[in-house]
């Protein structure tokens, strides 16, 4: 799975699903350009993407993803280029602007802070 989604609740994941868009990429169409600012996360659901940096270095298969840093870090640039291979590629794409509007990443930090604070208070109560 995509690490940024692993700590989300089922309710929050459902909100992400609601903003995600299916996209079909034709053979040899570039999904992500090397050095481009990442503005979306792309999860492969069908087909194979050729990964280059800029020379060929691998492939993305079903469940593979690219662009997670673009959801977490403003201005993150893609360290790779991904191009659809024979037969094309279908992705579920989550645009950064839509993801930011959900305010989930900040919410994760707030939840973690509350958990840490509760544990600290619990520890203090145990010392009394």
Protein backbone atom coordinates (compact mmCIF):
# COMPACT_ATOMS: atom_id res chain seq x y z
CA UNK A 1 0.00 0.00 0.00
CA UNK A 2 0.86 3.66 -0.20
CA UNK A 3 2.62 4.66 3.06
CA UNK A 4 0.85 8.02 3.40
CA UNK A 5 -2.50 6.18 3.48
CA UNK A 6 -1.52 3.46 5.96
CA UNK A 7 -2.35 5.48 9.09
CA UNK A 8 -5.66 6.81 7.79
CA UNK A 9 -8.95 5.64 9.25
CA UNK A 10 -11.47 3.87 7.02
CA UNK A 11 -13.54 7.07 7.04
CA UNK A 12 -10.56 9.14 5.86
CA UNK A 13 -9.68 6.57 3.18
CA UNK A 14 -13.24 6.82 1.90
CA UNK A 15 -12.76 10.60 1.57
CA UNK A 16 -9.62 9.97 -0.52
CA UNK A 17 -11.53 7.51 -2.73
CA UNK A 18 -14.16 10.20 -3.37
CA UNK A 19 -11.55 12.61 -4.83
CA UNK A 20 -9.60 9.97 -6.77
CA UNK A 21 -10.01 9.78 -10.54
CA UNK A 22 -9.51 6.85 -12.91
CA UNK A 23 -7.26 7.71 -15.84
CA UNK A 24 -6.28 5.67 -18.91
CA UNK A 25 -2.81 6.38 -20.34
CA UNK A 26 -2.03 5.25 -23.90
CA UNK A 27 1.11 3.34 -24.82
CA UNK A 28 4.20 5.61 -24.70
CA UNK A 29 2.24 8.40 -22.97
CA UNK A 30 4.22 9.96 -20.12
CA UNK A 31 2.51 9.70 -16.74
CA UNK A 32 5.23 11.52 -14.78
CA UNK A 33 8.04 13.61 -16.27
CA UNK A 34 11.53 13.47 -14.77
CA UNK A 35 12.19 16.62 -12.69
CA UNK A 36 8.58 17.83 -12.90
CA UNK A 37 6.84 19.08 -9.75
CA UNK A 38 4.67 16.20 -8.57
CA UNK A 39 1.06 17.34 -8.37
CA UNK A 40 -0.65 13.94 -8.12
CA UNK A 41 -0.24 10.44 -6.77
CA UNK A 42 -0.75 7.74 -9.42
CA UNK A 43 -1.52 4.14 -8.39
CA UNK A 44 -1.31 1.57 -11.19
CA UNK A 45 -4.47 -0.55 -11.39
CA UNK A 46 -3.91 -2.07 -14.83
CA UNK A 47 -0.95 -2.29 -17.19
CA UNK A 48 2.75 -1.62 -16.72
CA UNK A 49 4.66 1.65 -16.49
CA UNK A 50 8.32 1.93 -17.55
CA UNK A 51 10.39 3.80 -14.92
CA UNK A 52 13.45 5.80 -15.98
CA UNK A 53 15.90 8.08 -14.11
CA UNK A 54 16.38 9.10 -16.98
CA UNK A 55 17.72 5.70 -18.19
CA UNK A 56 15.45 2.64 -17.79
CA UNK A 57 15.60 1.31 -14.23
CA UNK A 58 12.41 -0.67 -13.66
CA UNK A 59 8.68 -1.10 -14.10
CA UNK A 60 5.55 -0.26 -12.12
CA UNK A 61 2.97 -3.03 -11.99
CA UNK A 62 -0.54 -3.23 -10.51
CA UNK A 63 -0.48 -1.60 -7.08
CA UNK A 64 2.74 0.27 -7.86
CA UNK A 65 2.61 4.00 -7.33
CA UNK A 66 4.47 7.21 -8.05
CA UNK A 67 4.04 10.74 -6.72
CA UNK A 68 3.50 10.16 -3.00
CA UNK A 69 6.03 12.87 -2.13
CA UNK A 70 3.89 15.28 -4.13
CA UNK A 71 1.04 14.76 -1.67
CA UNK A 72 3.25 15.36 1.38
CA UNK A 73 5.83 17.92 0.26
CA UNK A 74 4.96 21.14 -1.59
CA UNK A 75 7.16 21.54 -4.67
CA UNK A 76 8.52 17.96 -4.58
CA UNK A 77 10.04 17.05 -7.94
CA UNK A 78 9.80 13.63 -9.51
CA UNK A 79 13.09 11.73 -9.36
CA UNK A 80 11.83 9.45 -12.15
CA UNK A 81 9.93 9.43 -15.39
CA UNK A 82 7.10 6.92 -15.89
CA UNK A 83 5.76 6.04 -19.34
CA UNK A 84 2.90 3.67 -20.19
CA UNK A 85 4.08 0.46 -21.85
CA UNK A 86 2.33 -1.72 -24.47
CA UNK A 87 -1.41 -1.83 -23.95
CA UNK A 88 -1.43 1.37 -21.92
CA UNK A 89 -1.86 1.92 -18.19
CA UNK A 90 -4.86 2.72 -16.03
CA UNK A 91 -4.24 4.61 -12.78
CA UNK A 92 -6.21 5.88 -9.86
CA UNK A 93 -4.96 9.45 -9.57
CA UNK A 94 -5.23 11.62 -6.45
CA UNK A 95 -4.57 15.30 -7.24
CA UNK A 96 -2.53 17.16 -4.62
CA UNK A 97 -4.92 20.12 -4.39
CA UNK A 98 -7.90 17.84 -3.70
CA UNK A 99 -5.90 15.79 -1.18
CA UNK A 100 -4.75 18.94 0.66
CA UNK A 101 -8.35 20.13 0.88
CA UNK A 102 -9.18 16.99 2.91
CA UNK A 103 -6.65 18.16 5.56
CA UNK A 104 -5.69 14.56 6.37
CA UNK A 105 -1.93 14.94 6.73
CA UNK A 106 -2.29 17.71 9.31
CA UNK A 107 -4.98 15.64 10.98
CA UNK A 108 -2.56 12.75 11.31
CA UNK A 109 -0.14 15.01 13.15
CA UNK A 110 -2.87 16.28 15.47
CA UNK A 111 -4.05 12.74 16.22
CA UNK A 112 -0.49 11.61 16.95
CA UNK A 113 -0.02 14.61 19.28
CA UNK A 114 -3.23 13.74 21.18
CA UNK A 115 -2.11 10.11 21.55
CA UNK A 116 1.31 11.18 22.83
CA UNK A 117 -0.26 13.70 25.22
CA UNK A 118 -2.69 11.06 26.55
CA UNK A 119 0.19 8.62 27.11
CA UNK A 120 2.19 11.32 28.92
CA UNK A 121 -0.79 12.13 31.17
CA UNK A 122 -1.35 8.43 31.82
CA UNK A 123 2.29 8.09 32.83
CA UNK A 124 2.02 11.06 35.21
CA UNK A 125 -1.12 9.62 36.79
CA UNK A 126 0.66 6.34 37.35
CA UNK A 127 3.50 8.15 39.19
CA UNK A 128 1.18 9.77 41.77
